[in-house]
N, C-alpha and C. Protein backbone atom coordinates (compact mmCIF):
# COMPACT_ATOMS: atom_id res chain seq x y z
N MET A 1 13.12 -5.66 8.49
CA MET A 1 11.37 -5.40 8.77
C MET A 1 11.74 -4.10 9.56
N ILE A 2 11.37 -2.96 9.57
CA ILE A 2 11.12 -2.12 10.61
C ILE A 2 10.08 -1.09 10.81
N GLY A 3 9.15 -0.82 11.52
CA GLY A 3 7.88 -0.31 11.65
C GLY A 3 8.13 0.98 12.43
N VAL A 4 7.67 2.18 11.81
CA VAL A 4 7.83 3.26 12.61
C VAL A 4 6.24 4.18 12.57
N GLU A 5 5.87 4.59 13.31
CA GLU A 5 4.88 5.31 13.89
C GLU A 5 4.99 6.97 14.45
N ARG A 6 4.39 7.55 14.18
CA ARG A 6 4.18 8.84 14.59
C ARG A 6 2.92 9.65 14.49
N GLY A 7 2.20 9.54 15.72
CA GLY A 7 1.09 10.37 15.19
C GLY A 7 0.29 9.56 14.69
N THR A 8 -0.63 9.68 13.32
CA THR A 8 -1.37 8.50 12.72
C THR A 8 -0.69 8.23 11.67
N ILE A 9 0.20 8.51 11.16
CA ILE A 9 0.99 7.61 10.59
C ILE A 9 1.80 6.48 10.86
N ARG A 10 1.70 5.09 10.17
CA ARG A 10 2.42 4.26 10.32
C ARG A 10 3.08 3.82 9.06
N LEU A 11 4.24 3.58 9.04
CA LEU A 11 5.01 3.46 7.62
C LEU A 11 5.84 1.93 8.17
N THR A 12 6.15 1.02 7.55
CA THR A 12 6.56 -0.11 7.47
C THR A 12 7.65 -0.39 6.46
N LEU A 13 8.76 -0.79 6.45
CA LEU A 13 9.94 -1.05 5.36
C LEU A 13 10.33 -2.67 5.52
N ASP A 14 10.02 -3.17 4.21
CA ASP A 14 10.23 -4.76 4.47
C ASP A 14 11.45 -4.76 3.20
N CYS A 15 12.30 -5.97 3.36
CA CYS A 15 13.27 -6.39 2.71
C CYS A 15 12.53 -6.57 1.24
N PRO A 16 13.49 -6.64 -0.02
CA PRO A 16 12.80 -7.36 -1.19
C PRO A 16 12.06 -8.98 -0.97
N MET A 17 10.99 -8.90 -1.62
CA MET A 17 10.55 -10.59 -1.82
C MET A 17 9.80 -10.83 -2.96
N ALA A 18 9.49 -11.99 -3.22
CA ALA A 18 8.50 -12.31 -4.36
C ALA A 18 7.22 -11.04 -4.41
N GLY A 19 7.07 -10.37 -5.53
CA GLY A 19 6.13 -9.87 -5.67
C GLY A 19 5.83 -8.32 -5.25
N HIS A 20 7.17 -8.18 -4.74
CA HIS A 20 7.10 -6.82 -4.23
C HIS A 20 8.18 -6.28 -5.31
N GLY A 21 8.51 -6.31 -6.14
CA GLY A 21 8.91 -4.92 -7.04
C GLY A 21 10.73 -5.65 -6.70
N ARG A 22 11.91 -4.77 -7.16
CA ARG A 22 13.14 -4.90 -7.11
C ARG A 22 13.76 -4.47 -5.71
N HIS A 23 12.88 -3.55 -5.16
CA HIS A 23 13.94 -3.48 -3.95
C HIS A 23 13.07 -3.48 -2.22
N ALA A 24 12.90 -2.34 -1.95
CA ALA A 24 12.14 -2.35 -0.42
C ALA A 24 10.73 -2.51 -0.83
N CYS A 25 9.99 -2.98 0.33
CA CYS A 25 8.61 -2.84 0.34
C CYS A 25 8.12 -2.20 1.30
N VAL A 26 7.61 -0.89 1.11
CA VAL A 26 7.29 0.02 1.91
C VAL A 26 5.30 -0.23 2.13
N ALA A 27 5.22 -0.72 3.42
CA ALA A 27 3.80 -0.67 3.72
C ALA A 27 3.24 1.02 4.54
N LEU A 28 2.36 1.34 3.78
CA LEU A 28 1.84 2.56 4.66
C LEU A 28 0.53 2.53 4.99
N GLU A 29 0.05 2.35 6.29
CA GLU A 29 -1.28 2.41 6.74
C GLU A 29 -1.90 3.69 6.35
N VAL A 30 -3.10 3.68 5.89
CA VAL A 30 -3.97 5.27 5.87
C VAL A 30 -5.52 5.13 6.11
N GLU A 31 -6.12 6.21 6.50
CA GLU A 31 -7.19 6.24 6.89
C GLU A 31 -8.72 5.24 5.57
N ASP A 32 -7.97 5.73 4.18
CA ASP A 32 -8.83 5.68 3.56
C ASP A 32 -8.25 5.14 2.02
N ALA A 33 -7.71 3.89 1.90
CA ALA A 33 -7.19 3.14 0.65
C ALA A 33 -7.69 3.99 -0.42
N ASP A 34 -8.80 3.63 -0.69
CA ASP A 34 -9.65 3.96 -2.27
C ASP A 34 -9.41 5.13 -2.33
N ARG A 35 -9.27 6.18 -1.82
CA ARG A 35 -8.79 7.70 -1.71
C ARG A 35 -7.19 7.76 -2.46
N TYR A 36 -6.45 6.98 -1.49
CA TYR A 36 -5.07 7.65 -1.94
C TYR A 36 -5.05 6.67 -3.51
N PHE A 37 -5.51 5.59 -3.66
CA PHE A 37 -5.19 5.14 -4.69
C PHE A 37 -6.10 5.96 -5.66
N ARG A 38 -6.99 6.29 -5.88
CA ARG A 38 -7.62 7.31 -6.98
C ARG A 38 -6.50 8.61 -7.26
N GLU A 39 -5.90 9.26 -6.22
CA GLU A 39 -4.66 9.97 -6.55
C GLU A 39 -3.58 9.52 -6.85
N TRP A 40 -3.28 8.62 -5.95
CA TRP A 40 -1.61 7.97 -6.62
C TRP A 40 -1.51 7.24 -7.93
N SER A 41 -2.69 6.36 -8.36
CA SER A 41 -2.49 5.50 -9.54
C SER A 41 -2.41 6.45 -10.88
N ALA A 42 -2.76 7.82 -10.81
CA ALA A 42 -2.77 8.68 -12.17
C ALA A 42 -1.30 8.89 -11.95
N ARG A 43 -0.34 8.91 -11.43
CA ARG A 43 1.15 9.10 -11.31
C ARG A 43 2.35 7.67 -11.40
N VAL A 44 1.86 6.55 -10.82
CA VAL A 44 2.49 5.46 -10.92
C VAL A 44 2.12 4.06 -11.23
N ALA A 45 2.97 3.28 -11.71
CA ALA A 45 2.15 2.18 -11.89
C ALA A 45 1.97 1.48 -11.09
N VAL A 46 0.78 0.59 -11.38
CA VAL A 46 -0.30 0.15 -10.49
C VAL A 46 0.06 -1.53 -10.37
N LEU A 47 0.41 -1.90 -9.21
CA LEU A 47 0.59 -3.23 -9.38
C LEU A 47 -0.39 -4.27 -8.89
N ARG A 48 -1.36 -3.78 -8.29
CA ARG A 48 -2.98 -4.37 -7.74
C ARG A 48 -4.03 -3.40 -7.38
N PRO A 49 -5.15 -3.16 -7.95
CA PRO A 49 -6.07 -2.19 -7.43
C PRO A 49 -6.28 -2.47 -6.10
N PRO A 50 -7.06 -1.72 -5.50
CA PRO A 50 -7.77 -1.98 -4.00
C PRO A 50 -8.63 -2.70 -3.82
N HIS A 51 -8.73 -3.92 -3.05
CA HIS A 51 -9.58 -4.91 -2.88
C HIS A 51 -9.33 -5.31 -1.35
N ASP A 52 -10.64 -5.80 -0.88
CA ASP A 52 -10.43 -6.61 0.52
C ASP A 52 -9.92 -7.49 0.98
N GLU A 53 -9.10 -7.63 1.51
CA GLU A 53 -8.03 -8.91 2.17
C GLU A 53 -8.99 -9.63 3.29
N PRO A 54 -8.40 -10.95 2.38
CA PRO A 54 -9.49 -11.73 3.89
C PRO A 54 -9.19 -11.83 5.34
N TRP A 55 -8.08 -11.12 5.76
CA TRP A 55 -7.46 -10.62 7.10
C TRP A 55 -8.21 -9.34 7.59
N GLY A 56 -8.76 -8.67 6.82
CA GLY A 56 -9.64 -7.45 7.56
C GLY A 56 -9.19 -6.25 7.05
N ALA A 57 -8.25 -6.12 5.70
CA ALA A 57 -7.69 -4.59 5.58
C ALA A 57 -8.41 -4.30 4.19
N ARG A 58 -8.11 -3.34 3.43
CA ARG A 58 -8.48 -2.93 2.02
C ARG A 58 -6.85 -2.45 1.78
N THR A 59 -6.47 -3.41 0.58
CA THR A 59 -5.37 -2.90 0.00
C THR A 59 -4.64 -2.76 -1.10
N PHE A 60 -3.95 -1.69 -1.78
CA PHE A 60 -3.68 -2.29 -3.20
C PHE A 60 -2.33 -1.74 -3.18
N ASP A 61 -1.48 -2.04 -4.37
CA ASP A 61 -0.07 -2.21 -4.49
C ASP A 61 0.45 -0.87 -5.59
N LEU A 62 1.62 -0.54 -5.62
CA LEU A 62 2.05 0.34 -6.66
C LEU A 62 3.23 0.41 -7.05
N LEU A 63 4.00 1.02 -7.70
CA LEU A 63 5.61 1.03 -7.84
C LEU A 63 5.77 2.40 -7.90
N ASP A 64 6.97 2.79 -7.29
CA ASP A 64 7.48 3.73 -7.74
C ASP A 64 8.50 3.87 -8.52
N PRO A 65 9.59 5.52 -9.12
CA PRO A 65 9.78 5.34 -10.05
C PRO A 65 11.26 4.02 -9.83
N SER A 66 11.21 4.06 -8.57
CA SER A 66 12.84 3.37 -8.67
C SER A 66 12.49 1.81 -8.65
N GLY A 67 11.37 1.47 -8.64
CA GLY A 67 10.66 -0.20 -8.59
C GLY A 67 10.67 -0.42 -7.33
N ASN A 68 10.27 0.34 -6.18
CA ASN A 68 9.87 -0.35 -5.03
C ASN A 68 8.43 -0.13 -4.79
N THR A 69 7.97 -1.17 -3.95
CA THR A 69 6.68 -1.52 -3.73
C THR A 69 6.16 -0.45 -2.74
N LEU A 70 5.03 -0.10 -3.37
CA LEU A 70 4.35 0.57 -1.99
C LEU A 70 3.00 0.33 -1.82
N PHE A 71 2.98 -0.91 -0.78
CA PHE A 71 1.90 -1.47 -0.22
C PHE A 71 1.11 -0.59 0.73
N VAL A 72 -0.54 -0.19 0.28
CA VAL A 72 -1.09 0.71 1.04
C VAL A 72 -2.07 -0.18 1.41
N ILE A 73 -2.71 0.15 2.91
CA ILE A 73 -3.40 -0.92 3.80
C ILE A 73 -3.88 0.05 4.26
N GLY A 74 -5.68 0.00 4.38
CA GLY A 74 -6.27 0.97 5.12
C GLY A 74 -7.53 -0.36 5.43
N PRO A 75 -8.54 0.31 6.39
CA PRO A 75 -9.68 -0.72 6.82
C PRO A 75 -10.46 -0.95 5.62
N ALA A 76 -10.93 -2.55 5.96
CA ALA A 76 -11.35 -3.01 4.75
C ALA A 76 -13.04 -2.43 4.83
N THR A 77 -13.84 -2.09 3.49
CA THR A 77 -15.09 -1.79 3.41
C THR A 77 -15.90 -2.79 2.88
N SER A 78 -17.05 -3.04 2.86
CA SER A 78 -17.79 -3.41 2.10
C SER A 78 -18.67 -3.29 0.89
N THR A 79 -18.48 -1.34 0.50
CA THR A 79 -18.67 -0.87 -0.37
C THR A 79 -17.23 -0.24 -1.17
N ALA A 80 -16.57 -0.97 -2.11
CA ALA A 80 -15.55 0.08 -2.68
C ALA A 80 -16.34 1.31 -3.08
N LYS A 81 -15.31 2.23 -3.15
CA LYS A 81 -15.48 3.63 -3.21
C LYS A 81 -14.82 3.90 -4.53
């Protein structure tokens, strides 16, 4: 596992594990998970739609064309957009 941060962008690369596709899992921290879901879900396969996690984040999972998981993390919200 490795994390990289530059300005407001945070990216984490993780090894393959159950539920995270065939290859690496890339976690991307964003300001608004729902906004990115609306944009990206039209282009790639959706594993899980946006939902609030019990640990205080709003997440969703997509598969890139190579089978890698994109795990997107944003702030939790009580009102889904």
